[in-house]
């Protein structure tokens, strides 16, 4: 008798905290960007020993680019999506990202939704 098992690789991303909105002031408009005051915190669990891809997708065109910085890594989301390879971490990977949003031409002061969505997939 021969028994074999195939474990399907998966990655699950959970958003622990993120701002519900981004406030752009007149000073931000003059400077050309806004630094989001609170970090975006996510936890990624994967069973893939090869690690996972962290992906950021742009959801709106309100901002020209989004820079996400965490640890020694930086992701820049301009047109569409950006991704970065992350290692397998037993128990899960907790990432606190600081976001800088570069304003699109003609943008005005006001409150805007967070312009990105995050996801993960196993390698």
PDB file of N, CA and C in Angstrom:
ATOM      1  N   UNK A   1       0.846  -1.165   0.000  1.00  0.00           N
ATOM      2  CA  UNK A   1       0.000   0.000   0.000  1.00  0.00           C
ATOM      3  C   UNK A   1       0.894   1.230   0.000  1.00  0.00           C
ATOM      4  N   UNK A   2       0.544   2.185  -0.825  1.00  0.00           N
ATOM      5  CA  UNK A   2       1.300   3.437  -0.934  1.00  0.00           C
ATOM      6  C   UNK A   2       0.347   4.594  -0.654  1.00  0.00           C
ATOM      7  N   UNK A   3       0.744   5.468   0.253  1.00  0.00           N
ATOM      8  CA  UNK A   3      -0.071   6.631   0.602  1.00  0.00           C
ATOM      9  C   UNK A   3       0.743   7.882   0.308  1.00  0.00           C
ATOM     10  N   UNK A   4       0.132   8.826  -0.358  1.00  0.00           N
ATOM     11  CA  UNK A   4       0.810  10.101  -0.582  1.00  0.00           C
ATOM     12  C   UNK A   4      -0.148  11.236  -0.261  1.00  0.00           C
ATOM     13  N   UNK A   5       0.419  12.320   0.167  1.00  0.00           N
ATOM     14  CA  UNK A   5      -0.367  13.493   0.521  1.00  0.00           C
ATOM     15  C   UNK A   5       0.251  14.706  -0.163  1.00  0.00           C
ATOM     16  N   UNK A   6      -0.577  15.517  -0.744  1.00  0.00           N
ATOM     17  CA  UNK A   6      -0.121  16.771  -1.331  1.00  0.00           C
ATOM     18  C   UNK A   6      -0.761  17.909  -0.544  1.00  0.00           C
ATOM     19  N   UNK A   7       0.077  18.753   0.004  1.00  0.00           N
ATOM     20  CA  UNK A   7      -0.417  19.912   0.747  1.00  0.00           C
ATOM     21  C   UNK A   7      -0.394  21.101  -0.196  1.00  0.00           C
ATOM     22  N   UNK A   8      -1.540  21.697  -0.375  1.00  0.00           N
ATOM     23  CA  UNK A   8      -1.648  22.854  -1.264  1.00  0.00           C
ATOM     24  C   UNK A   8      -1.107  24.077  -0.527  1.00  0.00           C
ATOM     25  N   UNK A   9      -0.182  24.765  -1.176  1.00  0.00           N
ATOM     26  CA  UNK A   9       0.398  25.974  -0.576  1.00  0.00           C
ATOM     27  C   UNK A   9      -0.656  27.069  -0.515  1.00  0.00           C
ATOM     28  N   UNK A  10      -0.658  27.787   0.576  1.00  0.00           N
ATOM     29  CA  UNK A  10      -1.581  28.909   0.714  1.00  0.00           C
ATOM     30  C   UNK A  10      -0.963  29.994   1.557  1.00  0.00           C
ATOM     31  N   UNK A  11      -1.466  31.177   1.388  1.00  0.00           N
ATOM     32  CA  UNK A  11      -1.053  32.333   2.179  1.00  0.00           C
ATOM     33  C   UNK A  11      -2.312  33.110   2.541  1.00  0.00           C
ATOM     34  N   UNK A  12      -2.400  33.517   3.803  1.00  0.00           N
ATOM     35  CA  UNK A  12      -3.563  34.247   4.281  1.00  0.00           C
ATOM     36  C   UNK A  12      -3.088  35.570   4.866  1.00  0.00           C
ATOM     37  N   UNK A  13      -3.613  36.669   4.359  1.00  0.00           N
ATOM     38  CA  UNK A  13      -3.274  37.996   4.852  1.00  0.00           C
ATOM     39  C   UNK A  13      -4.440  38.530   5.667  1.00  0.00           C
ATOM     40  N   UNK A  14      -4.136  38.993   6.868  1.00  0.00           N
ATOM     41  CA  UNK A  14      -5.130  39.606   7.737  1.00  0.00           C
ATOM     42  C   UNK A  14      -4.676  41.020   8.049  1.00  0.00           C
ATOM     43  N   UNK A  15      -5.553  41.985   7.831  1.00  0.00           N
ATOM     44  CA  UNK A  15      -5.242  43.371   8.158  1.00  0.00           C
ATOM     45  C   UNK A  15      -5.570  43.580   9.633  1.00  0.00           C
ATOM     46  N   UNK A  16      -4.546  43.862  10.441  1.00  0.00           N
ATOM     47  CA  UNK A  16      -4.739  44.099  11.875  1.00  0.00           C
ATOM     48  C   UNK A  16      -5.224  45.524  12.119  1.00  0.00           C
ATOM     49  N   UNK A  17      -4.661  46.482  11.374  1.00  0.00           N
ATOM     50  CA  UNK A  17      -5.117  47.869  11.480  1.00  0.00           C
ATOM     51  C   UNK A  17      -4.681  48.651  10.248  1.00  0.00           C
ATOM     52  N   UNK A  18      -5.512  49.595   9.905  1.00  0.00           N
ATOM     53  CA  UNK A  18      -5.203  50.508   8.802  1.00  0.00           C
ATOM     54  C   UNK A  18      -6.103  51.726   8.944  1.00  0.00           C
ATOM     55  N   UNK A  19      -5.655  52.867   8.455  1.00  0.00           N
ATOM     56  CA  UNK A  19      -6.515  54.056   8.524  1.00  0.00           C
ATOM     57  C   UNK A  19      -7.730  53.876   7.616  1.00  0.00           C
ATOM     58  N   UNK A  20      -8.848  54.386   8.062  1.00  0.00           N
ATOM     59  CA  UNK A  20     -10.062  54.285   7.246  1.00  0.00           C
ATOM     60  C   UNK A  20     -10.090  55.353   6.159  1.00  0.00           C
ATOM     61  N   UNK A  21      -9.393  56.465   6.411  1.00  0.00           N
ATOM     62  CA  UNK A  21      -9.353  57.551   5.432  1.00  0.00           C
ATOM     63  C   UNK A  21      -8.022  58.277   5.556  1.00  0.00           C
ATOM     64  N   UNK A  22      -7.679  58.982   4.496  1.00  0.00           N
ATOM     65  CA  UNK A  22      -6.461  59.793   4.461  1.00  0.00           C
ATOM     66  C   UNK A  22      -6.886  61.248   4.341  1.00  0.00           C
ATOM     67  N   UNK A  23      -6.417  62.080   5.259  1.00  0.00           N
ATOM     68  CA  UNK A  23      -6.733  63.500   5.216  1.00  0.00           C
ATOM     69  C   UNK A  23      -5.590  64.248   4.538  1.00  0.00           C
ATOM     70  N   UNK A  24      -5.927  64.971   3.491  1.00  0.00           N
ATOM     71  CA  UNK A  24      -4.962  65.776   2.744  1.00  0.00           C
ATOM     72  C   UNK A  24      -5.220  67.235   3.090  1.00  0.00           C
ATOM     73  N   UNK A  25      -4.180  67.906   3.592  1.00  0.00           N
ATOM     74  CA  UNK A  25      -4.297  69.315   3.966  1.00  0.00           C
ATOM     75  C   UNK A  25      -3.749  70.206   2.850  1.00  0.00           C
ATOM     76  N   UNK A  26      -3.964  71.518   2.992  1.00  0.00           N
ATOM     77  CA  UNK A  26      -3.388  72.466   2.028  1.00  0.00           C
ATOM     78  C   UNK A  26      -1.866  72.397   2.038  1.00  0.00           C
ATOM     79  N   UNK A  27      -1.275  72.166   3.219  1.00  0.00           N
ATOM     80  CA  UNK A  27       0.184  72.029   3.313  1.00  0.00           C
ATOM     81  C   UNK A  27       0.659  70.789   2.550  1.00  0.00           C
ATOM     82  N   UNK A  28      -0.109  69.705   2.616  1.00  0.00           N
ATOM     83  CA  UNK A  28       0.234  68.491   1.863  1.00  0.00           C
ATOM     84  C   UNK A  28       0.170  68.757   0.367  1.00  0.00           C
ATOM     85  N   UNK A  29      -0.860  69.504  -0.079  1.00  0.00           N
ATOM     86  CA  UNK A  29      -1.002  69.834  -1.497  1.00  0.00           C
ATOM     87  C   UNK A  29       0.201  70.650  -1.954  1.00  0.00           C
ATOM     88  N   UNK A  30       0.634  71.615  -1.153  1.00  0.00           N
ATOM     89  CA  UNK A  30       1.801  72.439  -1.504  1.00  0.00           C
ATOM     90  C   UNK A  30       3.076  71.590  -1.558  1.00  0.00           C
ATOM     91  N   UNK A  31       3.195  70.623  -0.662  1.00  0.00           N
ATOM     92  CA  UNK A  31       4.380  69.754  -0.592  1.00  0.00           C
ATOM     93  C   UNK A  31       4.346  68.686  -1.684  1.00  0.00           C
ATOM     94  N   UNK A  32       3.145  68.244  -2.069  1.00  0.00           N
ATOM     95  CA  UNK A  32       3.025  67.243  -3.121  1.00  0.00           C
ATOM     96  C   UNK A  32       2.835  65.823  -2.625  1.00  0.00           C
ATOM     97  N   UNK A  33       2.825  65.610  -1.338  1.00  0.00           N
ATOM     98  CA  UNK A  33       2.606  64.264  -0.789  1.00  0.00           C
ATOM     99  C   UNK A  33       2.069  64.373   0.626  1.00  0.00           C
ATOM    100  N   UNK A  34       1.546  63.249   1.114  1.00  0.00           N
ATOM    101  CA  UNK A  34       1.074  63.164   2.490  1.00  0.00           C
ATOM    102  C   UNK A  34       1.623  61.866   3.092  1.00  0.00           C
ATOM    103  N   UNK A  35       2.138  61.967   4.304  1.00  0.00           N
ATOM    104  CA  UNK A  35       2.552  60.787   5.051  1.00  0.00           C
ATOM    105  C   UNK A  35       1.374  60.358   5.912  1.00  0.00           C
ATOM    106  N   UNK A  36       0.944  59.119   5.737  1.00  0.00           N
ATOM    107  CA  UNK A  36      -0.185  58.605   6.506  1.00  0.00           C
ATOM    108  C   UNK A  36       0.263  58.466   7.955  1.00  0.00           C
ATOM    109  N   UNK A  37      -0.520  59.014   8.879  1.00  0.00           N
ATOM    110  CA  UNK A  37      -0.098  59.117  10.279  1.00  0.00           C
ATOM    111  C   UNK A  37      -0.021  57.785  11.017  1.00  0.00           C
ATOM    112  N   UNK A  38      -0.894  56.850  10.711  1.00  0.00           N
ATOM    113  CA  UNK A  38      -0.830  55.557  11.406  1.00  0.00           C
ATOM    114  C   UNK A  38      -0.415  54.466  10.419  1.00  0.00           C
ATOM    115  N   UNK A  39       0.338  53.484  10.892  1.00  0.00           N
ATOM    116  CA  UNK A  39       0.819  52.439   9.987  1.00  0.00           C
ATOM    117  C   UNK A  39      -0.296  51.481   9.565  1.00  0.00           C
ATOM    118  N   UNK A  40      -0.059  50.826   8.464  1.00  0.00           N
ATOM    119  CA  UNK A  40      -0.912  49.732   8.009  1.00  0.00           C
ATOM    120  C   UNK A  40      -0.253  48.469   8.544  1.00  0.00           C
ATOM    121  N   UNK A  41      -0.949  47.732   9.393  1.00  0.00           N
ATOM    122  CA  UNK A  41      -0.372  46.541  10.021  1.00  0.00           C
ATOM    123  C   UNK A  41      -1.094  45.306   9.497  1.00  0.00           C
ATOM    124  N   UNK A  42      -0.314  44.371   8.940  1.00  0.00           N
ATOM    125  CA  UNK A  42      -0.873  43.129   8.418  1.00  0.00           C
ATOM    126  C   UNK A  42      -0.125  41.940   8.999  1.00  0.00           C
ATOM    127  N   UNK A  43      -0.805  40.806   9.050  1.00  0.00           N
ATOM    128  CA  UNK A  43      -0.169  39.548   9.407  1.00  0.00           C
ATOM    129  C   UNK A  43      -0.380  38.586   8.248  1.00  0.00           C
ATOM    130  N   UNK A  44       0.704  37.926   7.836  1.00  0.00           N
ATOM    131  CA  UNK A  44       0.618  36.954   6.751  1.00  0.00           C
ATOM    132  C   UNK A  44       1.075  35.605   7.287  1.00  0.00           C
ATOM    133  N   UNK A  45       0.231  34.620   7.102  1.00  0.00           N
ATOM    134  CA  UNK A  45       0.566  33.238   7.457  1.00  0.00           C
ATOM    135  C   UNK A  45       0.610  32.426   6.171  1.00  0.00           C
ATOM    136  N   UNK A  46       1.671  31.654   6.011  1.00  0.00           N
ATOM    137  CA  UNK A  46       1.784  30.787   4.843  1.00  0.00           C
ATOM    138  C   UNK A  46       2.348  29.443   5.275  1.00  0.00           C
ATOM    139  N   UNK A  47       1.979  28.417   4.548  1.00  0.00           N
ATOM    140  CA  UNK A  47       2.557  27.103   4.795  1.00  0.00           C
ATOM    141  C   UNK A  47       3.637  26.772   3.771  1.00  0.00           C
ATOM    142  N   UNK A  48       3.942  27.721   2.899  1.00  0.00           N
ATOM    143  CA  UNK A  48       4.969  27.525   1.875  1.00  0.00           C
ATOM    144  C   UNK A  48       6.341  27.855   2.448  1.00  0.00           C
ATOM    145  N   UNK A  49       7.199  26.868   2.508  1.00  0.00           N
ATOM    146  CA  UNK A  49       8.562  27.086   3.016  1.00  0.00           C
ATOM    147  C   UNK A  49       9.368  28.015   2.106  1.00  0.00           C
ATOM    148  N   UNK A  50       8.883  28.207   0.880  1.00  0.00           N
ATOM    149  CA  UNK A  50       9.545  29.117  -0.061  1.00  0.00           C
ATOM    150  C   UNK A  50       9.179  30.571   0.209  1.00  0.00           C
ATOM    151  N   UNK A  51       8.181  30.805   1.066  1.00  0.00           N
ATOM    152  CA  UNK A  51       7.757  32.167   1.377  1.00  0.00           C
ATOM    153  C   UNK A  51       6.507  32.559   0.617  1.00  0.00           C
ATOM    154  N   UNK A  52       6.329  33.849   0.430  1.00  0.00           N
ATOM    155  CA  UNK A  52       5.121  34.348  -0.223  1.00  0.00           C
ATOM    156  C   UNK A  52       5.399  35.661  -0.935  1.00  0.00           C
ATOM    157  N   UNK A  53       4.468  36.047  -1.796  1.00  0.00           N
ATOM    158  CA  UNK A  53       4.509  37.351  -2.446  1.00  0.00           C
ATOM    159  C   UNK A  53       3.492  38.248  -1.757  1.00  0.00           C
ATOM    160  N   UNK A  54       3.948  39.414  -1.337  1.00  0.00           N
ATOM    161  CA  UNK A  54       3.063  40.439  -0.795  1.00  0.00           C
ATOM    162  C   UNK A  54       2.748  41.378  -1.952  1.00  0.00           C
ATOM    163  N   UNK A  55       1.464  41.581  -2.207  1.00  0.00           N
ATOM    164  CA  UNK A  55       1.053  42.396  -3.344  1.00  0.00           C
ATOM    165  C   UNK A  55       0.218  43.574  -2.880  1.00  0.00           C
ATOM    166  N   UNK A  56       0.475  44.737  -3.478  1.00  0.00           N
ATOM    167  CA  UNK A  56      -0.302  45.943  -3.234  1.00  0.00           C
ATOM    168  C   UNK A  56      -0.917  46.369  -4.561  1.00  0.00           C
ATOM    169  N   UNK A  57      -2.234  46.530  -4.578  1.00  0.00           N
ATOM    170  CA  UNK A  57      -2.963  46.947  -5.777  1.00  0.00           C
ATOM    171  C   UNK A  57      -3.541  48.329  -5.574  1.00  0.00           C
ATOM    172  N   UNK A  58      -3.346  49.187  -6.550  1.00  0.00           N
ATOM    173  CA  UNK A  58      -3.905  50.534  -6.489  1.00  0.00           C
ATOM    174  C   UNK A  58      -5.400  50.464  -6.752  1.00  0.00           C
ATOM    175  N   UNK A  59      -6.182  51.085  -5.884  1.00  0.00           N
ATOM    176  CA  UNK A  59      -7.635  51.029  -5.968  1.00  0.00           C
ATOM    177  C   UNK A  59      -8.261  52.293  -6.543  1.00  0.00           C
ATOM    178  N   UNK A  60      -7.552  53.416  -6.454  1.00  0.00           N
ATOM    179  CA  UNK A  60      -8.080  54.673  -6.976  1.00  0.00           C
ATOM    180  C   UNK A  60      -6.968  55.427  -7.690  1.00  0.00           C
ATOM    181  N   UNK A  61      -7.344  56.435  -8.448  1.00  0.00           N
ATOM    182  CA  UNK A  61      -6.361  57.274  -9.133  1.00  0.00           C
ATOM    183  C   UNK A  61      -6.221  58.630  -8.444  1.00  0.00           C
ATOM    184  N   UNK A  62      -6.729  58.722  -7.212  1.00  0.00           N
ATOM    185  CA  UNK A  62      -6.626  59.978  -6.464  1.00  0.00           C
ATOM    186  C   UNK A  62      -5.176  60.351  -6.179  1.00  0.00           C
ATOM    187  N   UNK A  63      -4.317  59.345  -6.059  1.00  0.00           N
ATOM    188  CA  UNK A  63      -2.903  59.571  -5.751  1.00  0.00           C
ATOM    189  C   UNK A  63      -2.054  59.043  -6.897  1.00  0.00           C
ATOM    190  N   UNK A  64      -0.985  59.773  -7.229  1.00  0.00           N
ATOM    191  CA  UNK A  64      -0.121  59.379  -8.346  1.00  0.00           C
ATOM    192  C   UNK A  64       0.637  58.100  -8.027  1.00  0.00           C
ATOM    193  N   UNK A  65       1.271  58.042  -6.860  1.00  0.00           N
ATOM    194  CA  UNK A  65       1.991  56.842  -6.432  1.00  0.00           C
ATOM    195  C   UNK A  65       1.829  56.664  -4.930  1.00  0.00           C
ATOM    196  N   UNK A  66       2.010  55.429  -4.499  1.00  0.00           N
ATOM    197  CA  UNK A  66       1.974  55.084  -3.088  1.00  0.00           C
ATOM    198  C   UNK A  66       3.278  54.384  -2.758  1.00  0.00           C
ATOM    199  N   UNK A  67       3.990  54.882  -1.753  1.00  0.00           N
ATOM    200  CA  UNK A  67       5.206  54.224  -1.273  1.00  0.00           C
ATOM    201  C   UNK A  67       4.890  53.564   0.065  1.00  0.00           C
ATOM    202  N   UNK A  68       5.185  52.280   0.162  1.00  0.00           N
ATOM    203  CA  UNK A  68       5.023  51.544   1.411  1.00  0.00           C
ATOM    204  C   UNK A  68       6.399  51.146   1.897  1.00  0.00           C
ATOM    205  N   UNK A  69       6.724  51.522   3.117  1.00  0.00           N
ATOM    206  CA  UNK A  69       8.055  51.237   3.657  1.00  0.00           C
ATOM    207  C   UNK A  69       7.904  50.422   4.933  1.00  0.00           C
ATOM    208  N   UNK A  70       8.678  49.328   5.012  1.00  0.00           N
ATOM    209  CA  UNK A  70       8.678  48.481   6.200  1.00  0.00           C
ATOM    210  C   UNK A  70      10.024  47.793   6.290  1.00  0.00           C
ATOM    211  N   UNK A  71      10.652  47.898   7.471  1.00  0.00           N
ATOM    212  CA  UNK A  71      11.992  47.331   7.628  1.00  0.00           C
ATOM    213  C   UNK A  71      12.936  47.938   6.612  1.00  0.00           C
ATOM    214  N   UNK A  72      13.644  47.082   5.905  1.00  0.00           N
ATOM    215  CA  UNK A  72      14.584  47.525   4.866  1.00  0.00           C
ATOM    216  C   UNK A  72      13.934  47.553   3.483  1.00  0.00           C
ATOM    217  N   UNK A  73      12.655  47.254   3.404  1.00  0.00           N
ATOM    218  CA  UNK A  73      11.984  47.135   2.109  1.00  0.00           C
ATOM    219  C   UNK A  73      11.113  48.346   1.810  1.00  0.00           C
ATOM    220  N   UNK A  74      10.976  48.628   0.514  1.00  0.00           N
ATOM    221  CA  UNK A  74      10.076  49.673   0.031  1.00  0.00           C
ATOM    222  C   UNK A  74       9.349  49.144  -1.195  1.00  0.00           C
ATOM    223  N   UNK A  75       8.039  49.339  -1.205  1.00  0.00           N
ATOM    224  CA  UNK A  75       7.228  49.008  -2.377  1.00  0.00           C
ATOM    225  C   UNK A  75       6.672  50.318  -2.928  1.00  0.00           C
ATOM    226  N   UNK A  76       6.710  50.470  -4.237  1.00  0.00           N
ATOM    227  CA  UNK A  76       6.126  51.637  -4.881  1.00  0.00           C
ATOM    228  C   UNK A  76       5.016  51.170  -5.808  1.00  0.00           C
ATOM    229  N   UNK A  77       3.816  51.681  -5.564  1.00  0.00           N
ATOM    230  CA  UNK A  77       2.659  51.320  -6.380  1.00  0.00           C
ATOM    231  C   UNK A  77       2.311  52.541  -7.225  1.00  0.00           C
ATOM    232  N   UNK A  78       2.478  52.405  -8.524  1.00  0.00           N
ATOM    233  CA  UNK A  78       2.169  53.511  -9.426  1.00  0.00           C
ATOM    234  C   UNK A  78       0.963  53.123 -10.275  1.00  0.00           C
ATOM    235  N   UNK A  79       1.198  52.450 -11.343  1.00  0.00           N
ATOM    236  CA  UNK A  79       0.104  52.018 -12.226  1.00  0.00           C
ATOM    237  C   UNK A  79      -0.202  50.556 -11.953  1.00  0.00           C
ATOM    238  N   UNK A  80      -1.317  50.299 -11.329  1.00  0.00           N
ATOM    239  CA  UNK A  80      -1.735  48.915 -11.139  1.00  0.00           C
ATOM    240  C   UNK A  80      -1.293  48.295  -9.841  1.00  0.00           C
ATOM    241  N   UNK A  81      -0.176  47.561  -9.886  1.00  0.00           N
ATOM    242  CA  UNK A  81       0.216  46.765  -8.731  1.00  0.00           C
ATOM    243  C   UNK A  81       1.723  46.775  -8.511  1.00  0.00           C
ATOM    244  N   UNK A  82       2.101  46.329  -7.335  1.00  0.00           N
ATOM    245  CA  UNK A  82       3.500  46.146  -6.977  1.00  0.00           C
ATOM    246  C   UNK A  82       3.556  44.928  -6.065  1.00  0.00           C
ATOM    247  N   UNK A  83       4.645  44.190  -6.106  1.00  0.00           N
ATOM    248  CA  UNK A  83       4.772  43.030  -5.230  1.00  0.00           C
ATOM    249  C   UNK A  83       6.212  42.887  -4.762  1.00  0.00           C
ATOM    250  N   UNK A  84       6.367  42.146  -3.660  1.00  0.00           N
ATOM    251  CA  UNK A  84       7.687  41.879  -3.103  1.00  0.00           C
ATOM    252  C   UNK A  84       7.678  40.475  -2.509  1.00  0.00           C
ATOM    253  N   UNK A  85       8.767  39.774  -2.685  1.00  0.00           N
ATOM    254  CA  UNK A  85       8.906  38.422  -2.149  1.00  0.00           C
ATOM    255  C   UNK A  85       9.315  38.504  -0.675  1.00  0.00           C
ATOM    256  N   UNK A  86       8.653  37.694   0.144  1.00  0.00           N
ATOM    257  CA  UNK A  86       8.933  37.664   1.579  1.00  0.00           C
ATOM    258  C   UNK A  86       9.248  36.228   1.991  1.00  0.00           C
ATOM    259  N   UNK A  87      10.101  36.041   2.998  1.00  0.00           N
ATOM    260  CA  UNK A  87      10.473  34.691   3.415  1.00  0.00           C
ATOM    261  C   UNK A  87       9.390  34.036   4.277  1.00  0.00           C
ATOM    262  N   UNK A  88       9.477  32.731   4.384  1.00  0.00           N
ATOM    263  CA  UNK A  88       8.614  31.983   5.299  1.00  0.00           C
ATOM    264  C   UNK A  88       9.042  32.302   6.728  1.00  0.00           C
ATOM    265  N   UNK A  89       8.097  32.617   7.572  1.00  0.00           N
ATOM    266  CA  UNK A  89       8.364  32.873   8.985  1.00  0.00           C
ATOM    267  C   UNK A  89       7.412  31.996   9.796  1.00  0.00           C
ATOM    268  N   UNK A  90       7.949  31.051  10.564  1.00  0.00           N
ATOM    269  CA  UNK A  90       7.075  30.189  11.364  1.00  0.00           C
ATOM    270  C   UNK A  90       6.184  31.037  12.280  1.00  0.00           C
ATOM    271  N   UNK A  91       4.908  30.728  12.315  1.00  0.00           N
ATOM    272  CA  UNK A  91       3.978  31.476  13.157  1.00  0.00           C
ATOM    273  C   UNK A  91       3.392  32.701  12.483  1.00  0.00           C
ATOM    274  N   UNK A  92       3.944  33.116  11.362  1.00  0.00           N
ATOM    275  CA  UNK A  92       3.404  34.259  10.619  1.00  0.00           C
ATOM    276  C   UNK A  92       4.308  35.470  10.642  1.00  0.00           C
ATOM    277  N   UNK A  93       4.134  36.294   9.665  1.00  0.00           N
ATOM    278  CA  UNK A  93       4.921  37.505   9.454  1.00  0.00           C
ATOM    279  C   UNK A  93       4.036  38.705   9.770  1.00  0.00           C
ATOM    280  N   UNK A  94       4.438  39.527  10.728  1.00  0.00           N
ATOM    281  CA  UNK A  94       3.697  40.745  11.059  1.00  0.00           C
ATOM    282  C   UNK A  94       4.471  41.927  10.486  1.00  0.00           C
ATOM    283  N   UNK A  95       3.785  42.728   9.681  1.00  0.00           N
ATOM    284  CA  UNK A  95       4.430  43.846   8.987  1.00  0.00           C
ATOM    285  C   UNK A  95       3.682  45.135   9.315  1.00  0.00           C
ATOM    286  N   UNK A  96       4.420  46.141   9.758  1.00  0.00           N
ATOM    287  CA  UNK A  96       3.866  47.484   9.971  1.00  0.00           C
ATOM    288  C   UNK A  96       4.426  48.377   8.866  1.00  0.00           C
ATOM    289  N   UNK A  97       3.560  48.816   7.973  1.00  0.00           N
ATOM    290  CA  UNK A  97       3.969  49.614   6.814  1.00  0.00           C
ATOM    291  C   UNK A  97       3.635  51.081   7.030  1.00  0.00           C
ATOM    292  N   UNK A  98       4.590  51.920   6.681  1.00  0.00           N
ATOM    293  CA  UNK A  98       4.378  53.361   6.701  1.00  0.00           C
ATOM    294  C   UNK A  98       4.158  53.792   5.257  1.00  0.00           C
ATOM    295  N   UNK A  99       3.111  54.568   5.023  1.00  0.00           N
ATOM    296  CA  UNK A  99       2.731  54.940   3.662  1.00  0.00           C
ATOM    297  C   UNK A  99       2.954  56.417   3.404  1.00  0.00           C
ATOM    298  N   UNK A 100       3.535  56.700   2.250  1.00  0.00           N
ATOM    299  CA  UNK A 100       3.641  58.064   1.725  1.00  0.00           C
ATOM    300  C   UNK A 100       2.873  58.072   0.412  1.00  0.00           C
ATOM    301  N   UNK A 101       1.904  58.969   0.324  1.00  0.00           N
ATOM    302  CA  UNK A 101       1.053  59.065  -0.852  1.00  0.00           C
ATOM    303  C   UNK A 101       1.407  60.323  -1.630  1.00  0.00           C
ATOM    304  N   UNK A 102       1.866  60.150  -2.861  1.00  0.00           N
ATOM    305  CA  UNK A 102       2.202  61.283  -3.721  1.00  0.00           C
ATOM    306  C   UNK A 102       0.923  61.725  -4.438  1.00  0.00           C
ATOM    307  N   UNK A 103       0.624  62.985  -4.343  1.00  0.00           N
ATOM    308  CA  UNK A 103      -0.642  63.506  -4.847  1.00  0.00           C
ATOM    309  C   UNK A 103      -0.663  63.586  -6.366  1.00  0.00           C
ATOM    310  N   UNK A 104      -1.821  63.297  -6.924  1.00  0.00           N
ATOM    311  CA  UNK A 104      -2.028  63.434  -8.361  1.00  0.00           C
ATOM    312  C   UNK A 104      -2.153  64.918  -8.691  1.00  0.00           C
ATOM    313  N   UNK A 105      -1.793  65.307  -9.915  1.00  0.00           N
ATOM    314  CA  UNK A 105      -1.926  66.711 -10.305  1.00  0.00           C
ATOM    315  C   UNK A 105      -3.367  67.200 -10.117  1.00  0.00           C
ATOM    316  N   UNK A 106      -3.497  68.397  -9.583  1.00  0.00           N
ATOM    317  CA  UNK A 106      -4.804  68.999  -9.394  1.00  0.00           C
ATOM    318  C   UNK A 106      -5.562  68.521  -8.164  1.00  0.00           C
ATOM    319  N   UNK A 107      -4.932  67.688  -7.352  1.00  0.00           N
ATOM    320  CA  UNK A 107      -5.610  67.174  -6.163  1.00  0.00           C
ATOM    321  C   UNK A 107      -5.858  68.292  -5.169  1.00  0.00           C
ATOM    322  N   UNK A 108      -6.988  68.219  -4.480  1.00  0.00           N
ATOM    323  CA  UNK A 108      -7.374  69.240  -3.516  1.00  0.00           C
ATOM    324  C   UNK A 108      -7.361  68.665  -2.109  1.00  0.00           C
ATOM    325  N   UNK A 109      -7.302  69.550  -1.139  1.00  0.00           N
ATOM    326  CA  UNK A 109      -7.378  69.129   0.259  1.00  0.00           C
ATOM    327  C   UNK A 109      -8.720  68.452   0.504  1.00  0.00           C
ATOM    328  N   UNK A 110      -8.715  67.467   1.414  1.00  0.00           N
ATOM    329  CA  UNK A 110      -9.951  66.763   1.728  1.00  0.00           C
ATOM    330  C   UNK A 110      -9.652  65.400   2.318  1.00  0.00           C
ATOM    331  N   UNK A 111     -10.676  64.596   2.447  1.00  0.00           N
ATOM    332  CA  UNK A 111     -10.559  63.252   2.990  1.00  0.00           C
ATOM    333  C   UNK A 111     -10.769  62.250   1.859  1.00  0.00           C
ATOM    334  N   UNK A 112      -9.868  61.272   1.777  1.00  0.00           N
ATOM    335  CA  UNK A 112      -9.892  60.288   0.703  1.00  0.00           C
ATOM    336  C   UNK A 112      -9.765  58.888   1.286  1.00  0.00           C
ATOM    337  N   UNK A 113     -10.317  57.877   0.594  1.00  0.00           N
ATOM    338  CA  UNK A 113     -10.128  56.503   1.069  1.00  0.00           C
ATOM    339  C   UNK A 113      -8.681  56.053   0.845  1.00  0.00           C
ATOM    340  N   UNK A 114      -8.228  55.107   1.642  1.00  0.00           N
ATOM    341  CA  UNK A 114      -6.897  54.534   1.462  1.00  0.00           C
ATOM    342  C   UNK A 114      -6.844  53.938   0.055  1.00  0.00           C
ATOM    343  N   UNK A 115      -5.845  54.313  -0.766  1.00  0.00           N
ATOM    344  CA  UNK A 115      -5.896  53.966  -2.189  1.00  0.00           C
ATOM    345  C   UNK A 115      -5.341  52.602  -2.580  1.00  0.00           C
ATOM    346  N   UNK A 116      -5.041  51.728  -1.616  1.00  0.00           N
ATOM    347  CA  UNK A 116      -4.474  50.429  -1.972  1.00  0.00           C
ATOM    348  C   UNK A 116      -5.192  49.294  -1.259  1.00  0.00           C
ATOM    349  N   UNK A 117      -5.057  48.100  -1.841  1.00  0.00           N
ATOM    350  CA  UNK A 117      -5.515  46.870  -1.221  1.00  0.00           C
ATOM    351  C   UNK A 117      -4.329  45.904  -1.214  1.00  0.00           C
ATOM    352  N   UNK A 118      -4.186  45.160  -0.138  1.00  0.00           N
ATOM    353  CA  UNK A 118      -3.064  44.243   0.021  1.00  0.00           C
ATOM    354  C   UNK A 118      -3.540  42.795  -0.059  1.00  0.00           C
ATOM    355  N   UNK A 119      -2.691  41.933  -0.610  1.00  0.00           N
ATOM    356  CA  UNK A 119      -2.999  40.509  -0.672  1.00  0.00           C
ATOM    357  C   UNK A 119      -1.680  39.735  -0.624  1.00  0.00           C
ATOM    358  N   UNK A 120      -1.778  38.435  -0.432  1.00  0.00           N
ATOM    359  CA  UNK A 120      -0.588  37.583  -0.385  1.00  0.00           C
ATOM    360  C   UNK A 120      -0.877  36.283  -1.117  1.00  0.00           C
ATOM    361  N   UNK A 121       0.166  35.729  -1.725  1.00  0.00           N
ATOM    362  CA  UNK A 121       0.034  34.414  -2.354  1.00  0.00           C
ATOM    363  C   UNK A 121       1.327  33.633  -2.129  1.00  0.00           C
ATOM    364  N   UNK A 122       1.220  32.333  -1.971  1.00  0.00           N
ATOM    365  CA  UNK A 122       2.405  31.527  -1.660  1.00  0.00           C
ATOM    366  C   UNK A 122       3.341  31.410  -2.857  1.00  0.00           C
ATOM    367  N   UNK A 123       4.597  31.197  -2.572  1.00  0.00           N
ATOM    368  CA  UNK A 123       5.578  30.921  -3.636  1.00  0.00           C
ATOM    369  C   UNK A 123       5.680  29.425  -3.830  1.00  0.00           C
TER     370      UNK A 123
END
